[in-house]
Amino acid sequence: MLKSAPQTKQEEKLRELSAQLAVRERLHQAQLRALSSQHSQIEARAEALQQKNTELEQENAQLKTQVSEYCETNLLLKEEIAWLKRQLFGRSSEKQMQDAAEVAEQRMLFNEAEVLAAIAAADAAEAAAAVVVPAHERKKKSGSKVIPAEFPREIVPHDLPESEKVCPHDGTPLQRMGAERAERYHYEAPKLIVRVHERYKYSCPCCREGVRTAALPAHILPKSMAEPSLLAQITTDKYDHGTPLTRQSRKFAHLGLELGSGTMGTWVNTIGAERVPPLVNLMHEAALAEPVLHCDETTVQVLKSEKSAQSDHYMIVRAAGPPGRRIVIFTYAPSRNVETLKQVLTGPAGSYSGKLITDGLELYDWVAQDSAFAGMTLCGCLAHCRRYFDRAAKLTELAGAEQLARVALKDYLGKVFYVERQIDEQREAREHAGGVWELGDTLKVRQERSVPLMSAFKEWVDKLTPQVPPKSALGKAFSYTTNQWSKLTRFLEHPQVPPHNNRVENDIRPFVVGRRSWLFLDTQLGARASANLYTIVGTCRANGINTFAYLTHLYEQLPLARTVTDLEALLPWNVKPLLKTAASNA
């Protein structure tokens, strides 16, 4: 059956539409595949970008950490530079120059509730203990100081001309009615004289036999041409006044004596290394017998040793004894280690068993762990703690750190030291009135006033330590306080123990001053000899003894000493009364 024309057209159109639809479907499939590929690419790119973003975020975090570390390092380096500048050019005083209002204002700027709460009790205690003194104007004392009576006097007369010794009214001769005196110090240059020791000889006038000659007195250096007084002057100038031997040689040259520094060096080394050690050993034993012993170290360079010339050697210094019997011991050590410290803390009677005050060197903790030192108690130095905070206050670059350091200095440590000054004043007042100040009195004052201050200080440090970079100056101050706390508070339990190690540091200071002049020691033998002579000179200084007078007496009498009793009689505190009597009779 034949299809009609319209039907045929419809079929053709249908086929055409089907073909178009197929084409479009293929196009859509191609587009879908392209879009799917693009989607996959976009997803891959998005994933890559996400990974890159994560990496960038991690890198950014690392950079932020590095920047923070660099900033902290920069601040720490600024602190170190400021400290070095202060060491070279600055003042070393720890005195606080700010008044209370300024410190209070700075404390408020930091805005730490813990700070304000922690110091409130201390402020209240200080206010309760304060004594109000009515305002008044002090008159400045005028006039010069009176010259002490022990100086010899030489009268220099000043008289009127004869023409002025008559009355201008009636011509009557004037009568002297007294004199007005004006005293001034006069200096006479030192002089050298030669003592000629004549040893008289005797013989029988009949037989001219059996000649007898007077003995020459024993001499500390028999083959030298120096009297004990010259040796004493050389020793005093070098070890008490810090005058190098080369400079002394020039001084003697001005007096007409050609005396080389090498010769003087041989003399002092022989005396220090061979003559005085028995006396120094007695002083060492006496120091170890004291209930409280201060210990510190300082560096020294020795050119000729097994170490390089630039390496550090040490003088280990101990101080002990009550007023009038002060002992200062210098010991040379090529290195600072546990065994060396054990040796200087051990004597014929055994290991030291009293209260040992140090600045916190860890080596002393290791010494204390030895069973031989079981009886020894380590005590800390609150002045050393104060120096850490003082350094932080002056050098810190961290925001708010200066204010915190000054709070520690003024509201805690300053008040503890103020209590100690009051104890000293009360002791002096009672002893001046004829009374006796007991150790129990010191313990009572410390328990009542210093214990609350130290407890508040520890609480304050514990709260603020996590907020401070540990490597900063303030962080180091907090770390030292925390690590040394048990030792820093020992003085609260033991009234005979001071809260600081200032005594031995003061004894070291003249050595440090002298070291700036002579810079180094030549040999280890010379270092040991110098340590012994610094021991004697330092002990004289600590007891207010004239070093030259004592050394002259020592160098005269030491060759005559044969027994321990003879040596004990030559200890500085035993010789002092003799020197005082001799000075008063001069």
Protein backbone atom coordinates (compact mmCIF):
# COMPACT_ATOMS: atom_id res chain seq x y z
CA MET A 1 0.00 0.00 0.00
CA LEU A 2 1.46 3.24 -1.04
CA LYS A 3 2.01 5.95 1.58
CA SER A 4 0.63 9.32 0.96
CA ALA A 5 2.88 12.27 0.32
CA PRO A 6 2.15 13.99 3.64
CA GLN A 7 3.04 10.83 5.49
CA THR A 8 6.30 10.54 3.64
CA LYS A 9 7.17 14.10 4.51
CA GLN A 10 6.43 13.45 8.15
CA GLU A 11 8.72 10.44 8.19
CA GLU A 12 11.48 12.39 6.51
CA LYS A 13 11.05 15.17 9.00
CA LEU A 14 11.06 12.64 11.82
CA ARG A 15 14.27 11.11 10.53
CA GLU A 16 15.77 14.54 10.17
CA LEU A 17 14.77 15.41 13.74
CA SER A 18 16.13 12.08 14.95
CA ALA A 19 19.40 12.76 13.18
CA GLN A 20 19.55 16.22 14.69
CA LEU A 21 18.71 14.77 18.09
CA ALA A 22 21.47 12.19 17.69
CA VAL A 23 23.90 14.91 16.69
CA ARG A 24 22.87 17.00 19.66
CA GLU A 25 23.15 14.01 21.93
CA ARG A 26 26.65 13.37 20.67
CA LEU A 27 27.46 17.02 21.19
CA HIS A 28 26.00 16.89 24.67
CA GLN A 29 27.98 13.76 25.42
CA ALA A 30 31.13 15.43 24.17
CA GLN A 31 30.34 18.54 26.18
CA LEU A 32 29.59 16.37 29.21
CA ARG A 33 32.90 14.57 28.82
CA ALA A 34 34.66 17.91 28.41
CA LEU A 35 32.89 19.34 31.44
CA SER A 36 33.64 16.19 33.41
CA SER A 37 37.28 16.50 32.43
CA GLN A 38 37.25 20.17 33.34
CA HIS A 39 35.57 19.32 36.64
CA SER A 40 38.22 16.73 37.38
CA GLN A 41 40.90 19.25 36.52
CA ILE A 42 39.21 21.88 38.66
CA GLU A 43 38.89 19.43 41.53
CA ALA A 44 42.54 18.46 41.15
CA ARG A 45 43.52 22.11 40.99
CA ALA A 46 41.31 22.90 43.97
CA GLU A 47 42.90 20.05 45.88
CA ALA A 48 46.34 21.29 44.88
CA LEU A 49 45.40 24.81 45.90
CA GLN A 50 44.03 23.50 49.18
CA GLN A 51 47.25 21.62 49.79
CA LYS A 52 49.23 24.69 48.81
CA ASN A 53 47.09 26.79 51.14
CA THR A 54 47.74 24.33 53.95
CA GLU A 55 51.46 24.47 53.22
CA LEU A 56 51.34 28.26 53.13
CA GLU A 57 49.46 28.35 56.41
CA GLN A 58 52.05 26.04 57.96
CA GLU A 59 54.86 28.12 56.49
CA ASN A 60 53.16 31.28 57.73
CA ALA A 61 52.88 29.80 61.21
CA GLN A 62 56.55 28.81 61.09
CA LEU A 63 57.50 32.28 59.91
CA LYS A 64 55.44 33.84 62.68
CA THR A 65 57.22 31.59 65.17
CA GLN A 66 60.57 32.51 63.68
CA VAL A 67 59.71 36.20 63.74
CA SER A 68 58.66 35.87 67.37
CA GLU A 69 61.90 34.03 68.15
CA TYR A 70 63.92 36.64 66.24
CA CYS A 71 62.16 39.43 68.10
CA GLU A 72 62.86 37.73 71.42
CA THR A 73 66.47 37.06 70.40
CA ASN A 74 66.79 40.68 69.32
CA LEU A 75 65.53 41.84 72.70
CA LEU A 76 67.86 39.46 74.50
CA LEU A 77 70.81 40.65 72.41
CA LYS A 78 69.88 44.24 73.20
CA GLU A 79 69.92 43.30 76.88
CA GLU A 80 73.34 41.69 76.48
CA ILE A 81 74.72 44.72 74.62
CA ALA A 82 73.32 47.05 77.26
CA TRP A 83 74.88 44.87 79.97
CA LEU A 84 78.27 44.89 78.25
CA LYS A 85 78.13 48.66 77.87
CA ARG A 86 77.25 49.02 81.52
CA GLN A 87 80.13 46.71 82.48
CA LEU A 88 82.54 48.89 80.52
CA PHE A 89 81.19 52.37 81.12
CA GLY A 90 78.31 52.28 83.59
CA ARG A 91 77.98 52.55 87.33
CA SER A 92 77.84 49.34 89.31
CA SER A 93 75.65 50.67 92.11
CA GLU A 94 72.42 48.82 92.79
CA LYS A 95 70.81 51.80 94.49
CA GLN A 96 67.28 52.53 93.34
CA MET A 97 66.96 56.09 92.09
CA GLN A 98 63.16 56.26 91.85
CA ASP A 99 60.84 57.49 94.52
CA ALA A 100 57.82 55.59 95.78
CA ALA A 101 55.31 57.53 93.67
CA GLU A 102 57.16 56.75 90.43
CA VAL A 103 57.44 53.06 91.25
CA ALA A 104 53.75 52.92 92.17
CA GLU A 105 52.81 54.60 88.89
CA GLN A 106 54.89 52.14 86.88
CA ARG A 107 53.41 49.24 88.80
CA MET A 108 49.90 50.39 87.83
CA LEU A 109 50.91 50.64 84.17
CA PHE A 110 51.65 46.92 84.09
CA ASN A 111 48.06 46.23 85.16
CA GLU A 112 48.67 42.84 86.78
CA ALA A 113 46.12 42.01 89.44
CA GLU A 114 48.48 39.39 90.87
CA VAL A 115 51.19 42.00 91.36
CA LEU A 116 48.92 44.39 93.19
CA ALA A 117 47.49 41.69 95.40
CA ALA A 118 50.87 40.17 96.20
CA ILE A 119 52.46 43.42 97.35
CA ALA A 120 49.48 44.77 99.27
CA ALA A 121 50.38 42.88 102.43
CA ALA A 122 54.01 43.98 102.22
CA ASP A 123 52.99 47.61 101.73
CA ALA A 124 50.69 47.42 104.74
CA ALA A 125 53.44 45.89 106.87
CA GLU A 126 55.88 48.62 105.88
CA ALA A 127 53.32 51.33 106.62
CA ALA A 128 52.64 49.84 110.04
CA ALA A 129 56.34 49.73 110.86
CA ALA A 130 57.12 53.23 109.57
CA VAL A 131 58.10 55.90 112.05
CA VAL A 132 56.93 59.43 111.28
CA VAL A 133 59.56 62.08 111.84
CA PRO A 134 58.39 65.72 111.94
CA ALA A 135 59.71 67.72 109.03
CA HIS A 136 62.68 69.86 109.87
CA GLU A 137 65.68 71.35 108.18
CA ARG A 138 69.02 69.80 109.01
CA LYS A 139 71.95 72.15 109.32
CA LYS A 140 74.95 71.16 107.31
CA LYS A 141 77.93 70.42 109.49
CA SER A 142 80.78 72.79 108.87
CA GLY A 143 84.48 72.66 109.57
CA SER A 144 87.18 70.15 108.70
CA LYS A 145 87.66 66.78 110.35
CA VAL A 146 89.84 66.55 113.43
CA ILE A 147 93.22 64.97 112.75
CA PRO A 148 93.56 61.77 114.84
CA ALA A 149 95.77 61.99 117.92
CA GLU A 150 97.94 59.02 116.95
CA PHE A 151 99.73 61.08 114.30
CA PRO A 152 103.00 62.56 115.61
CA ARG A 153 103.04 66.35 115.89
CA GLU A 154 105.78 68.72 114.82
CA ILE A 155 105.43 72.31 116.05
CA VAL A 156 106.13 74.98 113.43
CA PRO A 157 106.35 78.30 115.38
CA HIS A 158 105.12 81.56 113.87
CA ASP A 159 106.06 84.62 115.94
CA LEU A 160 105.49 88.35 115.61
CA PRO A 161 108.38 90.56 114.56
CA GLU A 162 110.10 92.19 117.55
CA SER A 163 108.84 95.59 116.39
CA GLU A 164 105.25 94.45 116.81
CA LYS A 165 105.70 93.05 120.33
CA VAL A 166 104.99 96.43 121.99
CA CYS A 167 101.68 98.08 122.86
CA PRO A 168 100.81 100.73 120.26
CA HIS A 169 99.27 102.93 123.04
CA ASP A 170 101.93 103.12 125.77
CA GLY A 171 104.88 101.14 124.37
CA THR A 172 104.71 98.42 127.05
CA PRO A 173 106.24 95.09 125.88
CA LEU A 174 103.55 92.55 125.00
CA GLN A 175 103.35 89.26 126.91
CA ARG A 176 102.59 86.03 125.10
CA MET A 177 99.19 84.71 126.21
CA GLY A 178 98.90 81.52 124.22
CA ALA A 179 98.75 80.35 120.62
CA GLU A 180 96.21 79.56 117.97
CA ARG A 181 96.79 76.21 116.32
CA ALA A 182 96.10 75.11 112.76
CA GLU A 183 96.90 71.47 111.99
CA ARG A 184 97.73 70.25 108.50
CA TYR A 185 99.03 66.97 107.14
CA HIS A 186 102.69 67.01 106.08
CA TYR A 187 104.16 64.32 103.83
CA GLU A 188 107.79 63.26 104.03
CA ALA A 189 109.07 61.28 101.09
CA PRO A 190 110.18 57.72 101.92
CA LYS A 191 113.86 57.14 102.30
CA LEU A 192 116.20 54.19 102.27
CA ILE A 193 119.01 53.59 104.72
CA VAL A 194 121.50 50.77 104.90
CA ARG A 195 121.68 48.77 108.10
CA VAL A 196 125.17 47.47 108.71
CA HIS A 197 125.16 44.33 110.84
CA GLU A 198 128.49 44.28 112.67
CA ARG A 199 129.23 40.93 114.27
CA TYR A 200 131.77 41.58 116.96
CA LYS A 201 134.59 39.10 117.26
CA TYR A 202 136.44 38.18 120.45
CA SER A 203 139.65 36.30 121.08
CA CYS A 204 141.99 35.56 123.96
CA PRO A 205 144.66 38.32 124.25
CA CYS A 206 147.18 35.78 125.45
CA CYS A 207 146.98 32.90 123.04
CA ARG A 208 144.95 34.52 120.28
CA GLU A 209 142.98 31.32 119.92
CA GLY A 210 139.32 30.41 120.31
CA VAL A 211 137.91 33.33 118.31
CA ARG A 212 134.24 33.90 118.99
CA THR A 213 131.91 35.88 116.71
CA ALA A 214 128.42 37.13 117.52
CA ALA A 215 125.72 35.26 115.62
CA LEU A 216 123.78 36.96 112.85
CA PRO A 217 120.04 37.03 113.61
CA ALA A 218 117.92 34.57 111.66
CA HIS A 219 116.60 36.11 108.43
CA ILE A 220 113.58 35.18 106.34
CA LEU A 221 115.74 35.35 103.17
CA PRO A 222 119.32 34.86 104.41
CA LYS A 223 120.99 35.41 101.03
CA SER A 224 119.10 38.57 100.12
CA MET A 225 120.22 42.14 100.67
CA ALA A 226 116.79 43.19 101.94
CA GLU A 227 115.82 43.84 105.53
CA PRO A 228 112.36 42.60 106.66
CA SER A 229 111.04 46.16 106.41
CA LEU A 230 111.94 46.40 102.71
CA LEU A 231 110.41 42.99 102.01
CA ALA A 232 107.30 44.07 103.92
CA GLN A 233 107.04 47.26 101.86
CA ILE A 234 107.35 45.36 98.57
CA THR A 235 104.70 42.86 99.70
CA THR A 236 102.36 45.60 100.92
CA ASP A 237 102.65 47.62 97.72
CA LYS A 238 101.98 44.60 95.52
CA TYR A 239 99.30 42.73 97.43
CA ASP A 240 97.61 45.50 99.41
CA HIS A 241 97.99 48.51 97.10
CA GLY A 242 98.00 46.61 93.79
CA THR A 243 101.31 48.13 92.61
CA PRO A 244 103.10 45.89 90.06
CA LEU A 245 106.74 45.08 90.71
CA THR A 246 107.84 46.91 87.55
CA ARG A 247 106.30 50.11 88.89
CA GLN A 248 107.90 49.53 92.28
CA SER A 249 111.25 49.13 90.54
CA ARG A 250 110.86 52.60 89.01
CA LYS A 251 109.89 54.01 92.41
CA PHE A 252 113.01 52.60 94.04
CA ALA A 253 115.11 53.94 91.17
CA HIS A 254 113.96 57.44 92.11
CA LEU A 255 115.38 56.76 95.58
CA GLY A 256 118.70 55.69 94.10
CA LEU A 257 118.22 51.92 94.46
CA GLU A 258 118.51 49.83 91.31
CA LEU A 259 116.22 46.94 92.24
CA GLY A 260 114.90 44.85 89.35
CA SER A 261 111.37 43.48 89.25
CA GLY A 262 112.80 39.99 88.69
CA THR A 263 114.71 40.14 91.95
CA MET A 264 111.66 41.34 93.85
CA GLY A 265 109.57 38.64 92.17
CA THR A 266 111.99 35.98 93.40
CA TRP A 267 111.80 37.39 96.92
CA VAL A 268 108.00 37.48 97.18
CA ASN A 269 107.62 34.08 95.48
CA THR A 270 110.08 32.50 97.92
CA ILE A 271 108.31 34.04 100.90
CA GLY A 272 104.85 33.11 99.61
CA ALA A 273 105.67 29.59 98.46
CA GLU A 274 108.23 28.48 101.09
CA ARG A 275 108.06 30.65 104.21
CA VAL A 276 104.46 31.48 105.06
CA PRO A 277 102.56 28.24 104.13
CA PRO A 278 102.69 26.89 107.74
CA LEU A 279 101.01 30.08 108.96
CA VAL A 280 98.46 29.97 106.12
CA ASN A 281 97.66 26.35 106.98
CA LEU A 282 96.84 27.40 110.55
CA MET A 283 94.53 30.11 109.21
CA HIS A 284 92.87 27.54 106.92
CA GLU A 285 92.23 25.24 109.88
CA ALA A 286 90.84 28.13 111.91
CA ALA A 287 88.45 29.09 109.10
CA LEU A 288 87.10 25.54 108.78
CA ALA A 289 86.42 25.50 112.52
CA GLU A 290 84.04 28.47 112.24
CA PRO A 291 80.26 27.79 112.18
CA VAL A 292 79.72 30.01 109.12
CA LEU A 293 81.97 30.08 106.06
CA HIS A 294 81.63 32.32 102.99
CA CYS A 295 83.00 31.06 99.68
CA ASP A 296 83.39 32.58 96.22
CA GLU A 297 85.75 32.41 93.25
CA THR A 298 87.39 34.82 90.84
CA THR A 299 89.40 34.23 87.70
CA VAL A 300 93.09 34.83 87.06
CA GLN A 301 95.34 34.20 84.07
CA VAL A 302 98.53 32.17 84.42
CA LEU A 303 100.85 32.31 81.41
CA LYS A 304 102.95 29.19 81.98
CA SER A 305 100.81 26.12 82.66
CA GLU A 306 99.42 23.07 80.89
CA LYS A 307 96.48 25.23 79.77
CA SER A 308 96.54 27.99 77.16
CA ALA A 309 97.63 31.42 78.35
CA GLN A 310 94.17 32.83 77.65
CA SER A 311 92.31 30.21 79.70
CA ASP A 312 90.87 30.92 83.12
CA HIS A 313 92.50 29.79 86.34
CA TYR A 314 90.86 30.50 89.69
CA MET A 315 91.38 31.98 93.11
CA ILE A 316 88.95 30.29 95.50
CA VAL A 317 88.35 32.62 98.44
CA ARG A 318 86.85 31.83 101.85
CA ALA A 319 85.99 34.22 104.67
CA ALA A 320 85.03 33.40 108.25
CA GLY A 321 85.40 34.46 111.85
CA PRO A 322 83.85 37.06 114.17
CA PRO A 323 84.91 40.73 114.36
CA GLY A 324 88.48 41.02 115.60
CA ARG A 325 89.29 37.52 114.36
CA ARG A 326 88.36 37.72 110.71
CA ILE A 327 89.96 35.16 108.41
CA VAL A 328 90.37 35.47 104.64
CA ILE A 329 91.83 32.52 102.70
CA PHE A 330 92.92 32.60 99.04
CA THR A 331 93.67 29.30 97.30
CA TYR A 332 94.93 29.03 93.72
CA ALA A 333 93.35 26.33 91.54
CA PRO A 334 94.14 25.62 87.86
CA SER A 335 90.50 24.67 87.32
CA ARG A 336 87.22 24.89 89.16
CA ASN A 337 85.79 21.42 89.75
CA VAL A 338 84.24 19.31 92.48
CA GLU A 339 87.51 17.77 93.68
CA THR A 340 89.16 21.18 93.99
CA LEU A 341 86.27 22.51 96.06
CA LYS A 342 86.38 19.44 98.29
CA GLN A 343 90.06 20.05 98.94
CA VAL A 344 89.61 23.68 99.97
CA LEU A 345 86.75 22.65 102.27
CA THR A 346 88.75 19.92 103.99
CA GLY A 347 91.36 20.27 106.73
CA PRO A 348 93.22 18.10 109.24
CA ALA A 349 90.05 17.81 111.34
CA GLY A 350 88.00 16.58 108.37
CA SER A 351 85.43 18.04 106.00
CA TYR A 352 83.66 21.28 106.73
CA SER A 353 80.45 20.76 108.68
CA GLY A 354 79.05 24.26 109.17
CA LYS A 355 76.96 26.69 107.15
CA LEU A 356 78.53 27.39 103.74
CA ILE A 357 77.33 30.53 101.95
CA THR A 358 77.82 30.66 98.17
CA ASP A 359 76.37 32.46 95.15
CA GLY A 360 74.66 29.31 93.90
CA LEU A 361 77.38 27.59 91.85
CA GLU A 362 76.08 24.09 91.10
CA LEU A 363 79.44 22.48 91.90
CA TYR A 364 78.80 23.10 95.60
CA ASP A 365 75.60 21.05 95.36
CA TRP A 366 77.66 18.14 94.08
CA VAL A 367 80.14 18.62 96.93
CA ALA A 368 77.27 18.54 99.44
CA GLN A 369 76.10 15.20 98.00
CA ASP A 370 79.33 13.57 99.17
CA SER A 371 78.75 11.71 102.43
CA ALA A 372 81.91 13.29 103.85
CA PHE A 373 80.09 16.64 103.77
CA ALA A 374 76.84 15.37 105.25
CA GLY A 375 77.11 17.88 108.10
CA MET A 376 77.48 20.88 105.78
CA THR A 377 74.48 23.12 105.06
CA LEU A 378 74.44 25.19 101.87
CA CYS A 379 73.09 28.73 102.16
CA GLY A 380 72.31 31.19 99.36
CA CYS A 381 73.01 34.82 98.58
CA LEU A 382 70.02 37.14 98.46
CA ALA A 383 72.29 39.96 97.23
CA HIS A 384 73.09 37.85 94.16
CA CYS A 385 69.36 37.41 93.61
CA ARG A 386 68.92 41.17 93.90
CA ARG A 387 71.60 41.73 91.25
CA TYR A 388 69.62 39.64 88.77
CA PHE A 389 66.56 41.84 89.25
CA ASP A 390 68.68 45.00 89.24
CA ARG A 391 70.17 43.96 85.91
CA ALA A 392 66.70 43.25 84.53
CA ALA A 393 65.42 46.65 85.68
CA LYS A 394 68.28 48.45 83.94
CA LEU A 395 68.65 46.37 80.78
CA THR A 396 65.35 44.71 79.87
CA GLU A 397 63.64 45.47 76.55
CA LEU A 398 60.47 43.50 77.32
CA ALA A 399 57.29 45.49 77.89
CA GLY A 400 56.45 45.71 81.57
CA ALA A 401 59.57 43.81 82.65
CA GLU A 402 61.31 46.85 84.10
CA GLN A 403 58.31 47.61 86.31
CA LEU A 404 58.19 44.00 87.53
CA ALA A 405 61.89 44.00 88.31
CA ARG A 406 61.56 47.21 90.32
CA VAL A 407 58.63 45.73 92.24
CA ALA A 408 60.89 42.81 93.23
CA LEU A 409 63.66 45.21 94.24
CA LYS A 410 61.57 47.65 96.23
CA ASP A 411 58.60 45.77 97.62
CA TYR A 412 60.28 42.48 98.49
CA LEU A 413 64.08 42.31 98.47
CA GLY A 414 64.53 45.92 99.54
CA LYS A 415 62.30 45.39 102.55
CA VAL A 416 64.12 42.20 103.58
CA PHE A 417 67.45 44.04 103.54
CA TYR A 418 65.85 46.92 105.43
CA VAL A 419 64.93 44.45 108.19
CA GLU A 420 68.57 43.32 108.31
CA ARG A 421 69.75 46.92 108.68
CA GLN A 422 67.31 47.43 111.53
CA ILE A 423 68.64 44.29 113.23
CA ASP A 424 72.18 45.67 112.98
CA GLU A 425 71.08 49.04 114.38
CA GLN A 426 69.23 47.42 117.28
CA ARG A 427 72.24 45.21 118.05
CA GLU A 428 74.60 48.20 118.07
CA ALA A 429 72.24 50.23 120.26
CA ARG A 430 71.87 47.44 122.81
CA GLU A 431 75.59 46.68 122.92
CA HIS A 432 76.37 50.39 123.22
CA ALA A 433 74.06 50.49 126.24
CA GLY A 434 75.95 47.59 127.81
CA GLY A 435 73.46 44.88 126.90
CA VAL A 436 73.84 41.69 124.89
CA TRP A 437 72.14 40.90 121.60
CA GLU A 438 71.44 37.19 121.36
CA LEU A 439 71.02 35.08 118.23
CA GLY A 440 67.48 34.42 119.41
CA ASP A 441 66.74 38.13 119.05
CA THR A 442 67.79 38.01 115.40
CA LEU A 443 65.72 34.88 114.82
CA LYS A 444 62.65 36.48 116.38
CA VAL A 445 62.82 39.61 114.19
CA ARG A 446 63.35 37.56 111.04
CA GLN A 447 60.47 35.22 111.83
CA GLU A 448 58.12 38.12 112.50
CA ARG A 449 59.07 40.35 109.59
CA SER A 450 61.22 38.61 106.98
CA VAL A 451 59.35 35.30 106.76
CA PRO A 452 56.08 36.91 105.56
CA LEU A 453 58.00 39.03 103.04
CA MET A 454 59.85 36.05 101.60
CA SER A 455 56.67 33.96 101.43
CA ALA A 456 54.87 36.72 99.52
CA PHE A 457 57.88 37.10 97.24
CA LYS A 458 57.88 33.39 96.37
CA GLU A 459 54.15 33.42 95.61
CA TRP A 460 54.64 36.48 93.39
CA VAL A 461 57.52 34.86 91.50
CA ASP A 462 55.60 31.60 90.97
CA LYS A 463 52.60 33.44 89.47
CA LEU A 464 54.60 35.56 87.04
CA THR A 465 57.29 33.10 85.94
CA PRO A 466 55.17 31.43 83.18
CA GLN A 467 54.51 34.86 81.61
CA VAL A 468 58.18 35.82 81.18
CA PRO A 469 60.58 34.53 78.48
CA PRO A 470 63.04 32.33 80.39
CA LYS A 471 66.08 33.61 78.49
CA SER A 472 65.35 37.27 79.18
CA ALA A 473 67.06 39.15 81.99
CA LEU A 474 63.88 39.04 84.06
CA GLY A 475 63.36 35.37 83.21
CA LYS A 476 66.85 34.59 84.46
CA ALA A 477 66.09 36.48 87.66
CA PHE A 478 62.94 34.41 88.19
CA SER A 479 64.79 31.17 87.37
CA TYR A 480 67.61 31.94 89.80
CA THR A 481 65.13 32.78 92.54
CA THR A 482 63.15 29.58 91.98
CA ASN A 483 66.15 27.26 91.67
CA GLN A 484 67.95 28.71 94.71
CA TRP A 485 64.89 29.23 96.92
CA SER A 486 65.69 26.65 99.61
CA LYS A 487 69.18 28.13 100.03
CA LEU A 488 68.00 31.74 99.80
CA THR A 489 65.71 31.21 102.79
CA ARG A 490 68.17 29.37 105.06
CA PHE A 491 69.01 32.61 106.87
CA LEU A 492 65.42 32.64 108.17
CA GLU A 493 66.13 29.42 110.11
CA HIS A 494 69.72 30.11 111.18
CA PRO A 495 70.22 33.51 112.87
CA GLN A 496 74.01 33.32 112.64
CA VAL A 497 73.78 33.21 108.82
CA PRO A 498 73.57 36.53 106.93
CA PRO A 499 71.24 36.68 103.90
CA HIS A 500 74.08 37.45 101.51
CA ASN A 501 77.65 36.58 100.54
CA ASN A 502 78.85 40.20 100.53
CA ARG A 503 81.60 39.60 103.04
CA VAL A 504 83.75 37.39 100.83
CA GLU A 505 82.93 39.49 97.78
CA ASN A 506 84.30 42.53 99.60
CA ASP A 507 87.43 40.54 100.44
CA ILE A 508 87.88 39.64 96.76
CA ARG A 509 87.49 43.22 95.52
CA PRO A 510 91.08 44.37 96.34
CA PHE A 511 92.39 41.35 94.44
CA VAL A 512 90.29 42.31 91.42
CA VAL A 513 91.56 45.89 91.60
CA GLY A 514 95.15 44.66 91.74
CA ARG A 515 94.53 42.26 88.84
CA ARG A 516 93.72 45.24 86.62
CA SER A 517 97.27 46.47 87.23
CA TRP A 518 99.33 43.31 86.86
CA LEU A 519 96.83 41.52 84.51
CA PHE A 520 98.27 38.00 84.89
CA LEU A 521 100.57 35.71 86.87
CA ASP A 522 103.61 34.14 85.26
CA THR A 523 103.73 30.63 86.73
CA GLN A 524 101.63 28.34 88.87
CA LEU A 525 104.27 28.57 91.60
CA GLY A 526 103.85 32.33 91.56
CA ALA A 527 100.08 31.92 91.64
CA ARG A 528 100.26 29.76 94.78
CA ALA A 529 102.71 32.15 96.41
CA SER A 530 100.43 35.09 95.59
CA ALA A 531 97.44 33.24 97.03
CA ASN A 532 99.28 32.79 100.34
CA LEU A 533 100.34 36.43 100.51
CA TYR A 534 96.85 37.62 99.54
CA THR A 535 95.60 35.46 102.42
CA ILE A 536 97.81 37.27 104.93
CA VAL A 537 97.19 40.74 103.50
CA GLY A 538 93.43 40.15 103.20
CA THR A 539 93.22 38.95 106.80
CA CYS A 540 95.12 42.04 107.98
CA ARG A 541 92.73 44.28 106.07
CA ALA A 542 89.67 42.46 107.42
CA ASN A 543 90.89 43.01 111.00
CA GLY A 544 91.96 46.63 110.57
CA ILE A 545 95.65 45.79 110.97
CA ASN A 546 98.39 47.92 109.41
CA THR A 547 99.68 45.58 106.72
CA PHE A 548 103.21 46.98 106.57
CA ALA A 549 103.65 46.91 110.35
CA TYR A 550 102.35 43.34 110.57
CA LEU A 551 104.47 42.02 107.70
CA THR A 552 107.58 43.65 109.14
CA HIS A 553 106.91 41.91 112.46
CA LEU A 554 106.09 38.63 110.72
CA TYR A 555 109.20 38.64 108.55
CA GLU A 556 111.35 39.36 111.61
CA GLN A 557 109.80 36.69 113.84
CA LEU A 558 108.87 33.91 111.41
CA PRO A 559 112.47 32.61 111.09
CA LEU A 560 112.49 32.20 114.89
CA ALA A 561 109.27 30.15 115.03
CA ARG A 562 109.94 26.52 115.85
CA THR A 563 106.64 25.20 117.23
CA VAL A 564 102.93 25.46 116.49
CA THR A 565 102.62 27.73 119.52
CA ASP A 566 105.22 30.05 117.99
CA LEU A 567 103.25 30.15 114.74
CA GLU A 568 99.94 30.77 116.51
CA ALA A 569 101.50 33.79 118.21
CA LEU A 570 102.16 35.21 114.73
CA LEU A 571 98.55 35.01 113.52
CA PRO A 572 97.36 38.51 112.60
CA TRP A 573 94.71 38.80 115.32
CA ASN A 574 97.27 37.74 117.94
CA VAL A 575 99.85 40.27 116.75
CA LYS A 576 97.39 43.18 116.55
CA PRO A 577 97.63 44.12 120.29
CA LEU A 578 101.43 44.22 120.03
CA LEU A 579 101.30 46.49 117.00
CA LYS A 580 98.78 48.76 118.71
CA THR A 581 101.00 49.07 121.77
CA ALA A 582 104.07 49.75 119.65
CA ALA A 583 102.21 52.44 117.69
CA SER A 584 101.05 54.17 120.87
CA ASN A 585 104.58 54.18 122.29
CA ALA A 586 106.15 55.52 119.10
